[in-house]
Amino acid sequence: DPFAPPQGGTALGHGTTPLGQRLLPEVRVGAGVVIACLVA
């Protein structure tokens, strides 16, 4: 089927990666910005 999503993924391209693993880098960046502001 040419209209089927790729193997091992979904239409949004997130695959089977848990939500926590996808959000962990974002949380780290946000926490780093907060710490830098506190030092400033």
Full PDB file with SEQRES, HELIX, SHEET, SSBOND, CRYST1, ORIGX, SCALE, CONECT and MASTER records, all heavy atoms in Angstrom:
SEQRES   1 A   40  ASP PRO PHE ALA PRO PRO GLN GLY GLY THR ALA LEU GLY          
SEQRES   2 A   40  HIS GLY THR THR PRO LEU GLY GLN ARG LEU LEU PRO GLU          
SEQRES   3 A   40  VAL ARG VAL GLY ALA GLY VAL VAL ILE ALA CYS LEU VAL          
SEQRES   4 A   40  ALA                                                          
HELIX    1 AA1 LEU A   19  VAL A   39  1                                  21    
CRYST1    1.000    1.000    1.000  90.00  90.00  90.00 P 1           1          
ORIGX1      1.000000  0.000000  0.000000        0.00000                         
ORIGX2      0.000000  1.000000  0.000000        0.00000                         
ORIGX3      0.000000  0.000000  1.000000        0.00000                         
SCALE1      1.000000  0.000000  0.000000        0.00000                         
SCALE2      0.000000  1.000000  0.000000        0.00000                         
SCALE3      0.000000  0.000000  1.000000        0.00000                         
ATOM      1  N   ASP A   1       0.842  -1.183   0.000  1.00  0.00           N  
ATOM      2  CA  ASP A   1       0.000   0.000   0.000  1.00  0.00           C  
ATOM      3  C   ASP A   1       0.884   1.243   0.000  1.00  0.00           C  
ATOM      4  O   ASP A   1       1.630   1.491   0.955  1.00  0.00           O  
ATOM      5  CB  ASP A   1      -0.901  -0.007   1.237  1.00  0.00           C  
ATOM      6  CG  ASP A   1      -1.903   1.151   1.204  1.00  0.00           C  
ATOM      7  OD1 ASP A   1      -1.937   1.874   0.198  1.00  0.00           O  
ATOM      8  OD2 ASP A   1      -2.643   1.310   2.199  1.00  0.00           O  
ATOM      9  N   PRO A   2       0.835   2.072  -1.056  1.00  0.00           N  
ATOM     10  CA  PRO A   2       1.708   3.252  -1.089  1.00  0.00           C  
ATOM     11  C   PRO A   2       1.323   4.305  -0.064  1.00  0.00           C  
ATOM     12  O   PRO A   2       2.104   5.210   0.208  1.00  0.00           O  
ATOM     13  CB  PRO A   2       1.527   3.777  -2.509  1.00  0.00           C  
ATOM     14  CG  PRO A   2       0.174   3.302  -2.920  1.00  0.00           C  
ATOM     15  CD  PRO A   2       0.009   1.963  -2.267  1.00  0.00           C  
ATOM     16  N   PHE A   3       0.119   4.221   0.491  1.00  0.00           N  
ATOM     17  CA  PHE A   3      -0.338   5.212   1.459  1.00  0.00           C  
ATOM     18  C   PHE A   3      -0.176   4.744   2.899  1.00  0.00           C  
ATOM     19  O   PHE A   3      -0.631   5.402   3.826  1.00  0.00           O  
ATOM     20  CB  PHE A   3      -1.804   5.558   1.213  1.00  0.00           C  
ATOM     21  CG  PHE A   3      -2.052   6.102  -0.163  1.00  0.00           C  
ATOM     22  CD1 PHE A   3      -2.600   5.306  -1.150  1.00  0.00           C  
ATOM     23  CD2 PHE A   3      -1.702   7.400  -0.462  1.00  0.00           C  
ATOM     24  CE1 PHE A   3      -2.809   5.803  -2.419  1.00  0.00           C  
ATOM     25  CE2 PHE A   3      -1.910   7.901  -1.732  1.00  0.00           C  
ATOM     26  CZ  PHE A   3      -2.462   7.109  -2.718  1.00  0.00           C  
ATOM     27  N   ALA A   4       0.477   3.620   3.117  1.00  0.00           N  
ATOM     28  CA  ALA A   4       0.697   3.112   4.462  1.00  0.00           C  
ATOM     29  C   ALA A   4       1.859   3.856   5.102  1.00  0.00           C  
ATOM     30  O   ALA A   4       2.792   4.266   4.420  1.00  0.00           O  
ATOM     31  CB  ALA A   4       0.991   1.599   4.424  1.00  0.00           C  
ATOM     32  N   PRO A   5       1.819   4.096   6.439  1.00  0.00           N  
ATOM     33  CA  PRO A   5       2.939   4.766   7.116  1.00  0.00           C  
ATOM     34  C   PRO A   5       4.178   3.900   7.084  1.00  0.00           C  
ATOM     35  O   PRO A   5       4.108   2.693   6.847  1.00  0.00           O  
ATOM     36  CB  PRO A   5       2.409   4.951   8.544  1.00  0.00           C  
ATOM     37  CG  PRO A   5       1.367   3.887   8.709  1.00  0.00           C  
ATOM     38  CD  PRO A   5       0.733   3.716   7.348  1.00  0.00           C  
ATOM     39  N   PRO A   6       5.369   4.476   7.281  1.00  0.00           N  
ATOM     40  CA  PRO A   6       6.609   3.706   7.261  1.00  0.00           C  
ATOM     41  C   PRO A   6       6.614   2.635   8.329  1.00  0.00           C  
ATOM     42  O   PRO A   6       5.952   2.727   9.355  1.00  0.00           O  
ATOM     43  CB  PRO A   6       7.693   4.769   7.552  1.00  0.00           C  
ATOM     44  CG  PRO A   6       7.043   6.074   7.225  1.00  0.00           C  
ATOM     45  CD  PRO A   6       5.595   5.898   7.497  1.00  0.00           C  
ATOM     46  N   GLN A   7       7.418   1.583   8.051  1.00  0.00           N  
ATOM     47  CA  GLN A   7       7.510   0.481   8.980  1.00  0.00           C  
ATOM     48  C   GLN A   7       8.121   0.959  10.294  1.00  0.00           C  
ATOM     49  O   GLN A   7       9.094   1.703  10.324  1.00  0.00           O  
ATOM     50  CB  GLN A   7       8.387  -0.641   8.391  1.00  0.00           C  
ATOM     51  CG  GLN A   7       7.771  -1.311   7.177  1.00  0.00           C  
ATOM     52  CD  GLN A   7       6.559  -2.138   7.557  1.00  0.00           C  
ATOM     53  OE1 GLN A   7       6.440  -2.549   8.700  1.00  0.00           O  
ATOM     54  NE2 GLN A   7       5.662  -2.379   6.606  1.00  0.00           N  
ATOM     55  N   GLY A   8       7.537   0.547  11.400  1.00  0.00           N  
ATOM     56  CA  GLY A   8       8.058   0.886  12.713  1.00  0.00           C  
ATOM     57  C   GLY A   8       7.759   2.298  13.151  1.00  0.00           C  
ATOM     58  O   GLY A   8       8.329   2.790  14.108  1.00  0.00           O  
ATOM     59  N   GLY A   9       6.883   3.032  12.491  1.00  0.00           N  
ATOM     60  CA  GLY A   9       6.595   4.408  12.840  1.00  0.00           C  
ATOM     61  C   GLY A   9       5.117   4.673  12.727  1.00  0.00           C  
ATOM     62  O   GLY A   9       4.312   3.813  12.392  1.00  0.00           O  
ATOM     63  N   THR A  10       4.770   5.887  12.970  1.00  0.00           N  
ATOM     64  CA  THR A  10       3.401   6.333  12.877  1.00  0.00           C  
ATOM     65  C   THR A  10       3.331   7.488  11.914  1.00  0.00           C  
ATOM     66  O   THR A  10       4.341   7.954  11.400  1.00  0.00           O  
ATOM     67  CB  THR A  10       2.878   6.759  14.257  1.00  0.00           C  
ATOM     68  OG1 THR A  10       3.633   7.879  14.710  1.00  0.00           O  
ATOM     69  CG2 THR A  10       2.986   5.617  15.262  1.00  0.00           C  
ATOM     70  N   ALA A  11       2.119   7.982  11.698  1.00  0.00           N  
ATOM     71  CA  ALA A  11       1.944   9.080  10.766  1.00  0.00           C  
ATOM     72  C   ALA A  11       2.656  10.334  11.242  1.00  0.00           C  
ATOM     73  O   ALA A  11       3.043  11.170  10.453  1.00  0.00           O  
ATOM     74  CB  ALA A  11       0.442   9.378  10.579  1.00  0.00           C  
ATOM     75  N   LEU A  12       2.857  10.488  12.533  1.00  0.00           N  
ATOM     76  CA  LEU A  12       3.531  11.662  13.064  1.00  0.00           C  
ATOM     77  C   LEU A  12       5.036  11.474  13.138  1.00  0.00           C  
ATOM     78  O   LEU A  12       5.759  12.401  13.472  1.00  0.00           O  
ATOM     79  CB  LEU A  12       2.998  11.987  14.473  1.00  0.00           C  
ATOM     80  CG  LEU A  12       1.519  12.348  14.531  1.00  0.00           C  
ATOM     81  CD1 LEU A  12       1.120  12.606  15.983  1.00  0.00           C  
ATOM     82  CD2 LEU A  12       1.224  13.582  13.678  1.00  0.00           C  
ATOM     83  N   GLY A  13       5.536  10.314  12.839  1.00  0.00           N  
ATOM     84  CA  GLY A  13       6.966  10.080  12.796  1.00  0.00           C  
ATOM     85  C   GLY A  13       7.617   9.869  14.150  1.00  0.00           C  
ATOM     86  O   GLY A  13       8.829   9.893  14.268  1.00  0.00           O  
ATOM     87  N   HIS A  14       6.853   9.666  15.214  1.00  0.00           N  
ATOM     88  CA  HIS A  14       7.441   9.503  16.530  1.00  0.00           C  
ATOM     89  C   HIS A  14       7.859   8.063  16.807  1.00  0.00           C  
ATOM     90  O   HIS A  14       8.628   7.831  17.729  1.00  0.00           O  
ATOM     91  CB  HIS A  14       6.456   9.948  17.619  1.00  0.00           C  
ATOM     92  CG  HIS A  14       6.121  11.396  17.537  1.00  0.00           C  
ATOM     93  ND1 HIS A  14       7.086  12.358  17.362  1.00  0.00           N  
ATOM     94  CD2 HIS A  14       4.929  12.049  17.599  1.00  0.00           C  
ATOM     95  CE1 HIS A  14       6.519  13.554  17.341  1.00  0.00           C  
ATOM     96  NE2 HIS A  14       5.204  13.390  17.471  1.00  0.00           N  
ATOM     97  N   GLY A  15       7.369   7.136  16.015  1.00  0.00           N  
ATOM     98  CA  GLY A  15       7.711   5.753  16.242  1.00  0.00           C  
ATOM     99  C   GLY A  15       7.184   5.266  17.570  1.00  0.00           C  
ATOM    100  O   GLY A  15       6.122   5.644  18.026  1.00  0.00           O  
ATOM    101  N   THR A  16       7.975   4.411  18.202  1.00  0.00           N  
ATOM    102  CA  THR A  16       7.576   3.837  19.481  1.00  0.00           C  
ATOM    103  C   THR A  16       8.367   4.442  20.634  1.00  0.00           C  
ATOM    104  O   THR A  16       8.422   3.858  21.700  1.00  0.00           O  
ATOM    105  CB  THR A  16       7.783   2.310  19.443  1.00  0.00           C  
ATOM    106  OG1 THR A  16       9.161   2.034  19.142  1.00  0.00           O  
ATOM    107  CG2 THR A  16       6.891   1.674  18.398  1.00  0.00           C  
ATOM    108  N   THR A  17       9.019   5.610  20.433  1.00  0.00           N  
ATOM    109  CA  THR A  17       9.793   6.246  21.501  1.00  0.00           C  
ATOM    110  C   THR A  17       8.869   6.711  22.607  1.00  0.00           C  
ATOM    111  O   THR A  17       7.905   7.421  22.345  1.00  0.00           O  
ATOM    112  CB  THR A  17      10.589   7.439  20.955  1.00  0.00           C  
ATOM    113  OG1 THR A  17      11.371   7.022  19.844  1.00  0.00           O  
ATOM    114  CG2 THR A  17      11.489   8.016  22.035  1.00  0.00           C  
ATOM    115  N   PRO A  18       9.151   6.359  23.853  1.00  0.00           N  
ATOM    116  CA  PRO A  18       8.283   6.797  24.951  1.00  0.00           C  
ATOM    117  C   PRO A  18       8.268   8.321  25.060  1.00  0.00           C  
ATOM    118  O   PRO A  18       9.232   9.007  24.710  1.00  0.00           O  
ATOM    119  CB  PRO A  18       8.928   6.148  26.191  1.00  0.00           C  
ATOM    120  CG  PRO A  18       9.741   5.017  25.654  1.00  0.00           C  
ATOM    121  CD  PRO A  18      10.210   5.461  24.305  1.00  0.00           C  
ATOM    122  N   LEU A  19       7.162   8.825  25.573  1.00  0.00           N  
ATOM    123  CA  LEU A  19       7.005  10.273  25.709  1.00  0.00           C  
ATOM    124  C   LEU A  19       8.049  10.857  26.648  1.00  0.00           C  
ATOM    125  O   LEU A  19       8.566  11.961  26.411  1.00  0.00           O  
ATOM    126  CB  LEU A  19       5.599  10.594  26.223  1.00  0.00           C  
ATOM    127  CG  LEU A  19       5.265  12.080  26.424  1.00  0.00           C  
ATOM    128  CD1 LEU A  19       5.375  12.821  25.112  1.00  0.00           C  
ATOM    129  CD2 LEU A  19       3.885  12.243  27.029  1.00  0.00           C  
ATOM    130  N   GLY A  20       8.375  10.125  27.710  1.00  0.00           N  
ATOM    131  CA  GLY A  20       9.366  10.643  28.655  1.00  0.00           C  
ATOM    132  C   GLY A  20      10.731  10.843  28.031  1.00  0.00           C  
ATOM    133  O   GLY A  20      11.418  11.828  28.314  1.00  0.00           O  
ATOM    134  N   GLN A  21      11.152   9.912  27.167  1.00  0.00           N  
ATOM    135  CA  GLN A  21      12.450  10.049  26.510  1.00  0.00           C  
ATOM    136  C   GLN A  21      12.466  11.213  25.528  1.00  0.00           C  
ATOM    137  O   GLN A  21      13.498  11.864  25.350  1.00  0.00           O  
ATOM    138  CB  GLN A  21      12.814   8.754  25.794  1.00  0.00           C  
ATOM    139  CG  GLN A  21      13.049   7.575  26.726  1.00  0.00           C  
ATOM    140  CD  GLN A  21      13.508   6.335  25.979  1.00  0.00           C  
ATOM    141  OE1 GLN A  21      13.801   6.381  24.788  1.00  0.00           O  
ATOM    142  NE2 GLN A  21      13.555   5.215  26.686  1.00  0.00           N  
ATOM    143  N   ARG A  22      11.332  11.497  24.889  1.00  0.00           N  
ATOM    144  CA  ARG A  22      11.286  12.620  23.956  1.00  0.00           C  
ATOM    145  C   ARG A  22      11.298  13.946  24.682  1.00  0.00           C  
ATOM    146  O   ARG A  22      11.826  14.939  24.170  1.00  0.00           O  
ATOM    147  CB  ARG A  22      10.043  12.525  23.077  1.00  0.00           C  
ATOM    148  CG  ARG A  22      10.004  11.307  22.182  1.00  0.00           C  
ATOM    149  CD  ARG A  22       9.044  11.509  21.024  1.00  0.00           C  
ATOM    150  NE  ARG A  22       7.723  11.882  21.463  1.00  0.00           N  
ATOM    151  CZ  ARG A  22       6.742  11.025  21.702  1.00  0.00           C  
ATOM    152  NH1 ARG A  22       6.967   9.720  21.572  1.00  0.00           N  
ATOM    153  NH2 ARG A  22       5.544  11.441  22.089  1.00  0.00           N  
ATOM    154  N   LEU A  23      10.718  14.005  25.883  1.00  0.00           N  
ATOM    155  CA  LEU A  23      10.646  15.253  26.626  1.00  0.00           C  
ATOM    156  C   LEU A  23      11.878  15.520  27.473  1.00  0.00           C  
ATOM    157  O   LEU A  23      12.103  16.665  27.874  1.00  0.00           O  
ATOM    158  CB  LEU A  23       9.412  15.248  27.540  1.00  0.00           C  
ATOM    159  CG  LEU A  23       8.061  15.271  26.839  1.00  0.00           C  
ATOM    160  CD1 LEU A  23       6.944  15.257  27.869  1.00  0.00           C  
ATOM    161  CD2 LEU A  23       7.925  16.492  25.928  1.00  0.00           C  
ATOM    162  N   LEU A  24      12.688  14.486  27.750  1.00  0.00           N  
ATOM    163  CA  LEU A  24      13.839  14.670  28.625  1.00  0.00           C  
ATOM    164  C   LEU A  24      14.822  15.707  28.097  1.00  0.00           C  
ATOM    165  O   LEU A  24      15.270  16.580  28.864  1.00  0.00           O  
ATOM    166  CB  LEU A  24      14.529  13.324  28.859  1.00  0.00           C  
ATOM    167  CG  LEU A  24      15.707  13.336  29.841  1.00  0.00           C  
ATOM    168  CD1 LEU A  24      15.234  13.824  31.214  1.00  0.00           C  
ATOM    169  CD2 LEU A  24      16.323  11.938  29.957  1.00  0.00           C  
ATOM    170  N   PRO A  25      15.215  15.699  26.809  1.00  0.00           N  
ATOM    171  CA  PRO A  25      16.120  16.758  26.327  1.00  0.00           C  
ATOM    172  C   PRO A  25      15.518  18.147  26.442  1.00  0.00           C  
ATOM    173  O   PRO A  25      16.235  19.113  26.746  1.00  0.00           O  
ATOM    174  CB  PRO A  25      16.366  16.362  24.861  1.00  0.00           C  
ATOM    175  CG  PRO A  25      16.067  14.903  24.787  1.00  0.00           C  
ATOM    176  CD  PRO A  25      14.963  14.688  25.764  1.00  0.00           C  
ATOM    177  N   GLU A  26      14.207  18.272  26.210  1.00  0.00           N  
ATOM    178  CA  GLU A  26      13.570  19.576  26.328  1.00  0.00           C  
ATOM    179  C   GLU A  26      13.610  20.079  27.771  1.00  0.00           C  
ATOM    180  O   GLU A  26      13.858  21.268  28.023  1.00  0.00           O  
ATOM    181  CB  GLU A  26      12.117  19.484  25.853  1.00  0.00           C  
ATOM    182  CG  GLU A  26      11.949  18.962  24.436  1.00  0.00           C  
ATOM    183  CD  GLU A  26      12.500  19.933  23.413  1.00  0.00           C  
ATOM    184  OE1 GLU A  26      12.444  21.151  23.668  1.00  0.00           O  
ATOM    185  OE2 GLU A  26      12.997  19.483  22.366  1.00  0.00           O  
ATOM    186  N   VAL A  27      13.365  19.176  28.719  1.00  0.00           N  
ATOM    187  CA  VAL A  27      13.400  19.563  30.132  1.00  0.00           C  
ATOM    188  C   VAL A  27      14.805  19.991  30.534  1.00  0.00           C  
ATOM    189  O   VAL A  27      14.988  20.964  31.287  1.00  0.00           O  
ATOM    190  CB  VAL A  27      12.904  18.397  31.005  1.00  0.00           C  
ATOM    191  CG1 VAL A  27      13.076  18.717  32.488  1.00  0.00           C  
ATOM    192  CG2 VAL A  27      11.437  18.095  30.703  1.00  0.00           C  
ATOM    193  N   ARG A  28      15.809  19.294  30.021  1.00  0.00           N  
ATOM    194  CA  ARG A  28      17.188  19.653  30.357  1.00  0.00           C  
ATOM    195  C   ARG A  28      17.533  21.047  29.836  1.00  0.00           C  
ATOM    196  O   ARG A  28      18.154  21.849  30.536  1.00  0.00           O  
ATOM    197  CB  ARG A  28      18.146  18.621  29.770  1.00  0.00           C  
ATOM    198  CG  ARG A  28      18.108  17.268  30.472  1.00  0.00           C  
ATOM    199  CD  ARG A  28      19.012  16.275  29.764  1.00  0.00           C  
ATOM    200  NE  ARG A  28      19.051  14.995  30.458  1.00  0.00           N  
ATOM    201  CZ  ARG A  28      19.680  13.917  29.982  1.00  0.00           C  
ATOM    202  NH1 ARG A  28      20.312  13.987  28.814  1.00  0.00           N  
ATOM    203  NH2 ARG A  28      19.654  12.798  30.675  1.00  0.00           N  
ATOM    204  N   VAL A  29      17.134  21.349  28.606  1.00  0.00           N  
ATOM    205  CA  VAL A  29      17.415  22.668  28.039  1.00  0.00           C  
ATOM    206  C   VAL A  29      16.698  23.754  28.838  1.00  0.00           C  
ATOM    207  O   VAL A  29      17.283  24.790  29.173  1.00  0.00           O  
ATOM    208  CB  VAL A  29      17.002  22.708  26.559  1.00  0.00           C  
ATOM    209  CG1 VAL A  29      17.093  24.127  26.004  1.00  0.00           C  
ATOM    210  CG2 VAL A  29      17.870  21.777  25.740  1.00  0.00           C  
ATOM    211  N   GLY A  30      15.415  23.525  29.135  1.00  0.00           N  
ATOM    212  CA  GLY A  30      14.669  24.509  29.910  1.00  0.00           C  
ATOM    213  C   GLY A  30      15.267  24.727  31.292  1.00  0.00           C  
ATOM    214  O   GLY A  30      15.365  25.868  31.764  1.00  0.00           O  
ATOM    215  N   ALA A  31      15.687  23.642  31.963  1.00  0.00           N  
ATOM    216  CA  ALA A  31      16.297  23.776  33.284  1.00  0.00           C  
ATOM    217  C   ALA A  31      17.618  24.534  33.201  1.00  0.00           C  
ATOM    218  O   ALA A  31      17.943  25.343  34.086  1.00  0.00           O  
ATOM    219  CB  ALA A  31      16.516  22.402  33.903  1.00  0.00           C  
ATOM    220  N   GLY A  32      18.389  24.294  32.141  1.00  0.00           N  
ATOM    221  CA  GLY A  32      19.637  25.035  31.970  1.00  0.00           C  
ATOM    222  C   GLY A  32      19.411  26.523  31.792  1.00  0.00           C  
ATOM    223  O   GLY A  32      20.162  27.346  32.337  1.00  0.00           O  
ATOM    224  N   VAL A  33      18.368  26.881  31.061  1.00  0.00           N  
ATOM    225  CA  VAL A  33      18.051  28.303  30.871  1.00  0.00           C  
ATOM    226  C   VAL A  33      17.639  28.932  32.198  1.00  0.00           C  
ATOM    227  O   VAL A  33      18.040  30.068  32.519  1.00  0.00           O  
ATOM    228  CB  VAL A  33      16.951  28.470  29.808  1.00  0.00           C  
ATOM    229  CG1 VAL A  33      16.501  29.919  29.716  1.00  0.00           C  
ATOM    230  CG2 VAL A  33      17.440  27.985  28.443  1.00  0.00           C  
ATOM    231  N   VAL A  34      16.846  28.221  32.985  1.00  0.00           N  
ATOM    232  CA  VAL A  34      16.414  28.751  34.292  1.00  0.00           C  
ATOM    233  C   VAL A  34      17.619  28.971  35.203  1.00  0.00           C  
ATOM    234  O   VAL A  34      17.740  30.016  35.871  1.00  0.00           O  
ATOM    235  CB  VAL A  34      15.395  27.802  34.940  1.00  0.00           C  
ATOM    236  CG1 VAL A  34      15.095  28.232  36.366  1.00  0.00           C  
ATOM    237  CG2 VAL A  34      14.106  27.775  34.132  1.00  0.00           C  
ATOM    238  N   ILE A  35      18.530  28.009  35.236  1.00  0.00           N  
ATOM    239  CA  ILE A  35      19.720  28.144  36.095  1.00  0.00           C  
ATOM    240  C   ILE A  35      20.569  29.328  35.650  1.00  0.00           C  
ATOM    241  O   ILE A  35      21.085  30.096  36.475  1.00  0.00           O  
ATOM    242  CB  ILE A  35      20.525  26.836  36.079  1.00  0.00           C  
ATOM    243  CG1 ILE A  35      19.720  25.710  36.740  1.00  0.00           C  
ATOM    244  CG2 ILE A  35      21.862  27.017  36.784  1.00  0.00           C  
ATOM    245  CD1 ILE A  35      20.387  24.352  36.666  1.00  0.00           C  
ATOM    246  N   ALA A  36      20.726  29.502  34.335  1.00  0.00           N  
ATOM    247  CA  ALA A  36      21.500  30.645  33.834  1.00  0.00           C  
ATOM    248  C   ALA A  36      20.855  31.972  34.241  1.00  0.00           C  
ATOM    249  O   ALA A  36      21.548  32.934  34.601  1.00  0.00           O  
ATOM    250  CB  ALA A  36      21.633  30.559  32.313  1.00  0.00           C  
ATOM    251  N   CYS A  37      19.529  32.032  34.212  1.00  0.00           N  
ATOM    252  CA  CYS A  37      18.838  33.250  34.631  1.00  0.00           C  
ATOM    253  C   CYS A  37      19.013  33.506  36.126  1.00  0.00           C  
ATOM    254  O   CYS A  37      19.155  34.668  36.547  1.00  0.00           O  
ATOM    255  CB  CYS A  37      17.353  33.155  34.281  1.00  0.00           C  
ATOM    256  SG  CYS A  37      16.988  33.229  32.507  1.00  0.00           S  
ATOM    257  N   LEU A  38      19.020  32.462  36.925  1.00  0.00           N  
ATOM    258  CA  LEU A  38      19.223  32.649  38.362  1.00  0.00           C  
ATOM    259  C   LEU A  38      20.619  33.179  38.660  1.00  0.00           C  
ATOM    260  O   LEU A  38      20.803  34.036  39.535  1.00  0.00           O  
ATOM    261  CB  LEU A  38      18.988  31.322  39.089  1.00  0.00           C  
ATOM    262  CG  LEU A  38      17.556  30.786  39.081  1.00  0.00           C  
ATOM    263  CD1 LEU A  38      17.479  29.454  39.803  1.00  0.00           C  
ATOM    264  CD2 LEU A  38      16.594  31.789  39.713  1.00  0.00           C  
ATOM    265  N   VAL A  39      21.611  32.674  37.927  1.00  0.00           N  
ATOM    266  CA  VAL A  39      22.973  33.199  38.101  1.00  0.00           C  
ATOM    267  C   VAL A  39      23.041  34.661  37.677  1.00  0.00           C  
ATOM    268  O   VAL A  39      23.667  35.495  38.345  1.00  0.00           O  
ATOM    269  CB  VAL A  39      23.968  32.337  37.300  1.00  0.00           C  
ATOM    270  CG1 VAL A  39      25.360  32.943  37.351  1.00  0.00           C  
ATOM    271  CG2 VAL A  39      23.998  30.909  37.835  1.00  0.00           C  
ATOM    272  N   ALA A  40      22.376  34.982  36.568  1.00  0.00           N  
ATOM    273  CA  ALA A  40      22.339  36.382  36.136  1.00  0.00           C  
ATOM    274  C   ALA A  40      21.623  37.254  37.156  1.00  0.00           C  
ATOM    275  O   ALA A  40      21.933  38.447  37.299  1.00  0.00           O  
ATOM    276  CB  ALA A  40      21.657  36.488  34.772  1.00  0.00           C  
TER     277      ALA A  40                                                      
MASTER        0    0    0    1    0    0    0    6  276    1    0    4          
END                                                                             
